[in-house]
Amino acid sequence: MSDHVYKVTELTGSSKKGIEDAVHNAINRASRTLRNLRWFEVTETRGHIEDGKIAHWQVTIKIGFTLDE
């Protein structure tokens, strides 16, 4: 394994479907403008309630990517 330097940024994804979909939404959006995505860490999970039911999920992640050489 070679030595890497990572940049870390924090994102919040949301979804009406669930937690995993909220993570996918955040990563999919990040992949449009960031290169070399390598890992993510879920740091916070929360939801919004309407009429006694879950309306949507919000998941905050830290996402790491390697810097270009």
PDB file of N, CA and C in Angstrom:
ATOM      1  N   MET A   1       0.854  -1.189   0.000  1.00  0.00           N
ATOM      2  CA  MET A   1       0.000   0.000   0.000  1.00  0.00           C
ATOM      3  C   MET A   1       0.885   1.231   0.000  1.00  0.00           C
ATOM      4  N   SER A   2       0.617   2.130  -0.918  1.00  0.00           N
ATOM      5  CA  SER A   2       1.407   3.355  -0.975  1.00  0.00           C
ATOM      6  C   SER A   2       0.896   4.366   0.041  1.00  0.00           C
ATOM      7  N   ASP A   3       1.733   5.343   0.329  1.00  0.00           N
ATOM      8  CA  ASP A   3       1.344   6.404   1.260  1.00  0.00           C
ATOM      9  C   ASP A   3       0.386   7.362   0.564  1.00  0.00           C
ATOM     10  N   HIS A   4      -0.681   7.723   1.252  1.00  0.00           N
ATOM     11  CA  HIS A   4      -1.670   8.636   0.692  1.00  0.00           C
ATOM     12  C   HIS A   4      -1.883   9.807   1.634  1.00  0.00           C
ATOM     13  N   VAL A   5      -2.259  10.921   1.056  1.00  0.00           N
ATOM     14  CA  VAL A   5      -2.734  12.072   1.820  1.00  0.00           C
ATOM     15  C   VAL A   5      -4.187  12.258   1.427  1.00  0.00           C
ATOM     16  N   TYR A   6      -5.052  12.398   2.419  1.00  0.00           N
ATOM     17  CA  TYR A   6      -6.481  12.529   2.160  1.00  0.00           C
ATOM     18  C   TYR A   6      -6.975  13.916   2.533  1.00  0.00           C
ATOM     19  N   LYS A   7      -7.896  14.411   1.764  1.00  0.00           N
ATOM     20  CA  LYS A   7      -8.663  15.606   2.089  1.00  0.00           C
ATOM     21  C   LYS A   7     -10.009  15.102   2.576  1.00  0.00           C
ATOM     22  N   VAL A   8     -10.553  15.709   3.624  1.00  0.00           N
ATOM     23  CA  VAL A   8     -11.832  15.288   4.180  1.00  0.00           C
ATOM     24  C   VAL A   8     -12.803  16.460   4.109  1.00  0.00           C
ATOM     25  N   THR A   9     -14.012  16.176   3.650  1.00  0.00           N
ATOM     26  CA  THR A   9     -15.058  17.191   3.630  1.00  0.00           C
ATOM     27  C   THR A   9     -16.328  16.593   4.233  1.00  0.00           C
ATOM     28  N   GLU A  10     -17.204  17.452   4.702  1.00  0.00           N
ATOM     29  CA  GLU A  10     -18.430  17.006   5.356  1.00  0.00           C
ATOM     30  C   GLU A  10     -19.631  17.359   4.492  1.00  0.00           C
ATOM     31  N   LEU A  11     -20.539  16.402   4.331  1.00  0.00           N
ATOM     32  CA  LEU A  11     -21.733  16.583   3.514  1.00  0.00           C
ATOM     33  C   LEU A  11     -22.948  16.050   4.262  1.00  0.00           C
ATOM     34  N   THR A  12     -24.126  16.572   3.916  1.00  0.00           N
ATOM     35  CA  THR A  12     -25.370  16.029   4.447  1.00  0.00           C
ATOM     36  C   THR A  12     -26.274  15.658   3.281  1.00  0.00           C
ATOM     37  N   GLY A  13     -26.634  14.381   3.229  1.00  0.00           N
ATOM     38  CA  GLY A  13     -27.551  13.891   2.208  1.00  0.00           C
ATOM     39  C   GLY A  13     -28.918  13.666   2.825  1.00  0.00           C
ATOM     40  N   SER A  14     -29.956  13.750   2.019  1.00  0.00           N
ATOM     41  CA  SER A  14     -31.309  13.520   2.527  1.00  0.00           C
ATOM     42  C   SER A  14     -32.058  12.589   1.587  1.00  0.00           C
ATOM     43  N   SER A  15     -33.080  11.937   2.146  1.00  0.00           N
ATOM     44  CA  SER A  15     -33.890  11.010   1.363  1.00  0.00           C
ATOM     45  C   SER A  15     -35.208  10.744   2.071  1.00  0.00           C
ATOM     46  N   LYS A  16     -36.256  10.566   1.295  1.00  0.00           N
ATOM     47  CA  LYS A  16     -37.542  10.131   1.838  1.00  0.00           C
ATOM     48  C   LYS A  16     -37.560   8.623   2.028  1.00  0.00           C
ATOM     49  N   LYS A  17     -36.644   7.898   1.358  1.00  0.00           N
ATOM     50  CA  LYS A  17     -36.641   6.437   1.382  1.00  0.00           C
ATOM     51  C   LYS A  17     -35.983   5.860   2.631  1.00  0.00           C
ATOM     52  N   GLY A  18     -34.833   6.427   3.052  1.00  0.00           N
ATOM     53  CA  GLY A  18     -34.153   5.857   4.211  1.00  0.00           C
ATOM     54  C   GLY A  18     -32.728   6.356   4.365  1.00  0.00           C
ATOM     55  N   ILE A  19     -32.076   5.854   5.400  1.00  0.00           N
ATOM     56  CA  ILE A  19     -30.722   6.283   5.748  1.00  0.00           C
ATOM     57  C   ILE A  19     -29.725   5.934   4.653  1.00  0.00           C
ATOM     58  N   GLU A  20     -29.757   4.701   4.191  1.00  0.00           N
ATOM     59  CA  GLU A  20     -28.801   4.268   3.176  1.00  0.00           C
ATOM     60  C   GLU A  20     -28.943   5.094   1.901  1.00  0.00           C
ATOM     61  N   ASP A  21     -30.159   5.403   1.511  1.00  0.00           N
ATOM     62  CA  ASP A  21     -30.393   6.213   0.317  1.00  0.00           C
ATOM     63  C   ASP A  21     -29.871   7.637   0.516  1.00  0.00           C
ATOM     64  N   ALA A  22     -29.983   8.172   1.718  1.00  0.00           N
ATOM     65  CA  ALA A  22     -29.450   9.507   2.009  1.00  0.00           C
ATOM     66  C   ALA A  22     -27.929   9.523   1.858  1.00  0.00           C
ATOM     67  N   VAL A  23     -27.258   8.454   2.316  1.00  0.00           N
ATOM     68  CA  VAL A  23     -25.806   8.340   2.147  1.00  0.00           C
ATOM     69  C   VAL A  23     -25.466   8.262   0.664  1.00  0.00           C
ATOM     70  N   HIS A  24     -26.190   7.428  -0.076  1.00  0.00           N
ATOM     71  CA  HIS A  24     -25.958   7.308  -1.520  1.00  0.00           C
ATOM     72  C   HIS A  24     -26.130   8.660  -2.211  1.00  0.00           C
ATOM     73  N   ASN A  25     -27.141   9.424  -1.834  1.00  0.00           N
ATOM     74  CA  ASN A  25     -27.373  10.728  -2.456  1.00  0.00           C
ATOM     75  C   ASN A  25     -26.204  11.674  -2.214  1.00  0.00           C
ATOM     76  N   ALA A  26     -25.672  11.679  -1.002  1.00  0.00           N
ATOM     77  CA  ALA A  26     -24.530  12.546  -0.690  1.00  0.00           C
ATOM     78  C   ALA A  26     -23.300  12.134  -1.501  1.00  0.00           C
ATOM     79  N   ILE A  27     -23.029  10.836  -1.552  1.00  0.00           N
ATOM     80  CA  ILE A  27     -21.847  10.353  -2.276  1.00  0.00           C
ATOM     81  C   ILE A  27     -22.007  10.565  -3.779  1.00  0.00           C
ATOM     82  N   ASN A  28     -23.192  10.285  -4.313  1.00  0.00           N
ATOM     83  CA  ASN A  28     -23.419  10.500  -5.750  1.00  0.00           C
ATOM     84  C   ASN A  28     -23.225  11.959  -6.136  1.00  0.00           C
ATOM     85  N   ARG A  29     -23.713  12.867  -5.302  1.00  0.00           N
ATOM     86  CA  ARG A  29     -23.545  14.293  -5.609  1.00  0.00           C
ATOM     87  C   ARG A  29     -22.087  14.706  -5.514  1.00  0.00           C
ATOM     88  N   ALA A  30     -21.387  14.227  -4.499  1.00  0.00           N
ATOM     89  CA  ALA A  30     -19.965  14.563  -4.337  1.00  0.00           C
ATOM     90  C   ALA A  30     -19.151  14.055  -5.524  1.00  0.00           C
ATOM     91  N   SER A  31     -19.512  12.898  -6.037  1.00  0.00           N
ATOM     92  CA  SER A  31     -18.734  12.303  -7.134  1.00  0.00           C
ATOM     93  C   SER A  31     -18.827  13.103  -8.427  1.00  0.00           C
ATOM     94  N   ARG A  32     -19.769  14.012  -8.524  1.00  0.00           N
ATOM     95  CA  ARG A  32     -19.879  14.861  -9.720  1.00  0.00           C
ATOM     96  C   ARG A  32     -18.786  15.926  -9.771  1.00  0.00           C
ATOM     97  N   THR A  33     -18.288  16.345  -8.608  1.00  0.00           N
ATOM     98  CA  THR A  33     -17.309  17.439  -8.595  1.00  0.00           C
ATOM     99  C   THR A  33     -15.991  17.084  -7.907  1.00  0.00           C
ATOM    100  N   LEU A  34     -15.954  15.989  -7.152  1.00  0.00           N
ATOM    101  CA  LEU A  34     -14.727  15.572  -6.473  1.00  0.00           C
ATOM    102  C   LEU A  34     -14.198  14.305  -7.130  1.00  0.00           C
ATOM    103  N   ARG A  35     -12.874  14.201  -7.200  1.00  0.00           N
ATOM    104  CA  ARG A  35     -12.232  13.011  -7.768  1.00  0.00           C
ATOM    105  C   ARG A  35     -11.606  12.182  -6.650  1.00  0.00           C
ATOM    106  N   ASN A  36     -11.339  10.941  -6.965  1.00  0.00           N
ATOM    107  CA  ASN A  36     -10.576  10.046  -6.081  1.00  0.00           C
ATOM    108  C   ASN A  36     -11.248   9.794  -4.737  1.00  0.00           C
ATOM    109  N   LEU A  37     -12.580   9.712  -4.710  1.00  0.00           N
ATOM    110  CA  LEU A  37     -13.287   9.403  -3.463  1.00  0.00           C
ATOM    111  C   LEU A  37     -12.846   8.021  -2.986  1.00  0.00           C
ATOM    112  N   ARG A  38     -12.551   7.907  -1.678  1.00  0.00           N
ATOM    113  CA  ARG A  38     -12.015   6.652  -1.155  1.00  0.00           C
ATOM    114  C   ARG A  38     -12.817   6.058   0.003  1.00  0.00           C
ATOM    115  N   TRP A  39     -13.358   6.881   0.889  1.00  0.00           N
ATOM    116  CA  TRP A  39     -14.046   6.351   2.068  1.00  0.00           C
ATOM    117  C   TRP A  39     -15.043   7.364   2.590  1.00  0.00           C
ATOM    118  N   PHE A  40     -15.946   6.893   3.446  1.00  0.00           N
ATOM    119  CA  PHE A  40     -16.867   7.797   4.127  1.00  0.00           C
ATOM    120  C   PHE A  40     -17.122   7.282   5.536  1.00  0.00           C
ATOM    121  N   GLU A  41     -17.551   8.192   6.387  1.00  0.00           N
ATOM    122  CA  GLU A  41     -17.896   7.887   7.774  1.00  0.00           C
ATOM    123  C   GLU A  41     -19.199   8.605   8.107  1.00  0.00           C
ATOM    124  N   VAL A  42     -20.197   7.887   8.574  1.00  0.00           N
ATOM    125  CA  VAL A  42     -21.449   8.509   9.004  1.00  0.00           C
ATOM    126  C   VAL A  42     -21.215   9.134  10.374  1.00  0.00           C
ATOM    127  N   THR A  43     -21.445  10.432  10.479  1.00  0.00           N
ATOM    128  CA  THR A  43     -21.197  11.134  11.741  1.00  0.00           C
ATOM    129  C   THR A  43     -22.478  11.544  12.454  1.00  0.00           C
ATOM    130  N   GLU A  44     -23.584  11.624  11.712  1.00  0.00           N
ATOM    131  CA  GLU A  44     -24.840  12.044  12.330  1.00  0.00           C
ATOM    132  C   GLU A  44     -26.014  11.531  11.501  1.00  0.00           C
ATOM    133  N   THR A  45     -27.046  11.098  12.187  1.00  0.00           N
ATOM    134  CA  THR A  45     -28.273  10.657  11.528  1.00  0.00           C
ATOM    135  C   THR A  45     -29.447  11.331  12.227  1.00  0.00           C
ATOM    136  N   ARG A  46     -30.329  11.898  11.445  1.00  0.00           N
ATOM    137  CA  ARG A  46     -31.524  12.528  12.014  1.00  0.00           C
ATOM    138  C   ARG A  46     -32.657  12.431  11.002  1.00  0.00           C
ATOM    139  N   GLY A  47     -33.844  12.731  11.439  1.00  0.00           N
ATOM    140  CA  GLY A  47     -34.997  12.672  10.555  1.00  0.00           C
ATOM    141  C   GLY A  47     -35.984  13.775  10.859  1.00  0.00           C
ATOM    142  N   HIS A  48     -36.892  13.938   9.951  1.00  0.00           N
ATOM    143  CA  HIS A  48     -37.944  14.951  10.059  1.00  0.00           C
ATOM    144  C   HIS A  48     -39.282  14.223  10.167  1.00  0.00           C
ATOM    145  N   ILE A  49     -40.118  14.641  11.102  1.00  0.00           N
ATOM    146  CA  ILE A  49     -41.403  13.990  11.347  1.00  0.00           C
ATOM    147  C   ILE A  49     -42.537  14.911  10.914  1.00  0.00           C
ATOM    148  N   GLU A  50     -43.487  14.359  10.178  1.00  0.00           N
ATOM    149  CA  GLU A  50     -44.707  15.071   9.800  1.00  0.00           C
ATOM    150  C   GLU A  50     -45.899  14.159  10.065  1.00  0.00           C
ATOM    151  N   ASP A  51     -46.891  14.672  10.761  1.00  0.00           N
ATOM    152  CA  ASP A  51     -48.111  13.913  11.064  1.00  0.00           C
ATOM    153  C   ASP A  51     -47.803  12.561  11.723  1.00  0.00           C
ATOM    154  N   GLY A  52     -46.810  12.560  12.613  1.00  0.00           N
ATOM    155  CA  GLY A  52     -46.463  11.352  13.351  1.00  0.00           C
ATOM    156  C   GLY A  52     -45.719  10.293  12.561  1.00  0.00           C
ATOM    157  N   LYS A  53     -45.261  10.643  11.342  1.00  0.00           N
ATOM    158  CA  LYS A  53     -44.537   9.688  10.501  1.00  0.00           C
ATOM    159  C   LYS A  53     -43.225  10.310  10.033  1.00  0.00           C
ATOM    160  N   ILE A  54     -42.283   9.444   9.698  1.00  0.00           N
ATOM    161  CA  ILE A  54     -41.002   9.928   9.179  1.00  0.00           C
ATOM    162  C   ILE A  54     -41.230  10.512   7.786  1.00  0.00           C
ATOM    163  N   ALA A  55     -40.892  11.781   7.624  1.00  0.00           N
ATOM    164  CA  ALA A  55     -41.049  12.449   6.330  1.00  0.00           C
ATOM    165  C   ALA A  55     -39.786  12.300   5.478  1.00  0.00           C
ATOM    166  N   HIS A  56     -38.627  12.451   6.102  1.00  0.00           N
ATOM    167  CA  HIS A  56     -37.375  12.221   5.397  1.00  0.00           C
ATOM    168  C   HIS A  56     -36.239  12.062   6.395  1.00  0.00           C
ATOM    169  N   TRP A  57     -35.148  11.483   5.894  1.00  0.00           N
ATOM    170  CA  TRP A  57     -33.937  11.253   6.666  1.00  0.00           C
ATOM    171  C   TRP A  57     -32.857  12.221   6.226  1.00  0.00           C
ATOM    172  N   GLN A  58     -32.001  12.619   7.163  1.00  0.00           N
ATOM    173  CA  GLN A  58     -30.802  13.398   6.853  1.00  0.00           C
ATOM    174  C   GLN A  58     -29.619  12.677   7.490  1.00  0.00           C
ATOM    175  N   VAL A  59     -28.576  12.453   6.705  1.00  0.00           N
ATOM    176  CA  VAL A  59     -27.381  11.771   7.187  1.00  0.00           C
ATOM    177  C   VAL A  59     -26.175  12.632   6.857  1.00  0.00           C
ATOM    178  N   THR A  60     -25.404  12.981   7.877  1.00  0.00           N
ATOM    179  CA  THR A  60     -24.173  13.736   7.679  1.00  0.00           C
ATOM    180  C   THR A  60     -23.017  12.751   7.621  1.00  0.00           C
ATOM    181  N   ILE A  61     -22.173  12.934   6.607  1.00  0.00           N
ATOM    182  CA  ILE A  61     -21.017  12.065   6.440  1.00  0.00           C
ATOM    183  C   ILE A  61     -19.753  12.903   6.279  1.00  0.00           C
ATOM    184  N   LYS A  62     -18.651  12.320   6.671  1.00  0.00           N
ATOM    185  CA  LYS A  62     -17.333  12.824   6.295  1.00  0.00           C
ATOM    186  C   LYS A  62     -16.900  11.939   5.149  1.00  0.00           C
ATOM    187  N   ILE A  63     -16.401  12.553   4.094  1.00  0.00           N
ATOM    188  CA  ILE A  63     -15.966  11.789   2.920  1.00  0.00           C
ATOM    189  C   ILE A  63     -14.515  12.142   2.645  1.00  0.00           C
ATOM    190  N   GLY A  64     -13.696  11.101   2.435  1.00  0.00           N
ATOM    191  CA  GLY A  64     -12.274  11.304   2.194  1.00  0.00           C
ATOM    192  C   GLY A  64     -11.912  11.003   0.754  1.00  0.00           C
ATOM    193  N   PHE A  65     -11.007  11.806   0.225  1.00  0.00           N
ATOM    194  CA  PHE A  65     -10.526  11.575  -1.129  1.00  0.00           C
ATOM    195  C   PHE A  65      -9.046  11.884  -1.197  1.00  0.00           C
ATOM    196  N   THR A  66      -8.349  11.181  -2.080  1.00  0.00           N
ATOM    197  CA  THR A  66      -6.919  11.419  -2.226  1.00  0.00           C
ATOM    198  C   THR A  66      -6.689  12.636  -3.104  1.00  0.00           C
ATOM    199  N   LEU A  67      -5.609  13.314  -2.813  1.00  0.00           N
ATOM    200  CA  LEU A  67      -5.218  14.485  -3.608  1.00  0.00           C
ATOM    201  C   LEU A  67      -4.502  14.042  -4.868  1.00  0.00           C
ATOM    202  N   ASP A  68      -4.651  14.809  -5.921  1.00  0.00           N
ATOM    203  CA  ASP A  68      -3.940  14.505  -7.169  1.00  0.00           C
ATOM    204  C   ASP A  68      -2.445  14.653  -6.944  1.00  0.00           C
ATOM    205  N   GLU A  69      -1.698  13.839  -7.673  1.00  0.00           N
ATOM    206  CA  GLU A  69      -0.224  13.899  -7.603  1.00  0.00           C
ATOM    207  C   GLU A  69       0.279  15.140  -8.294  1.00  0.00           C
TER     208      GLU A  69
END
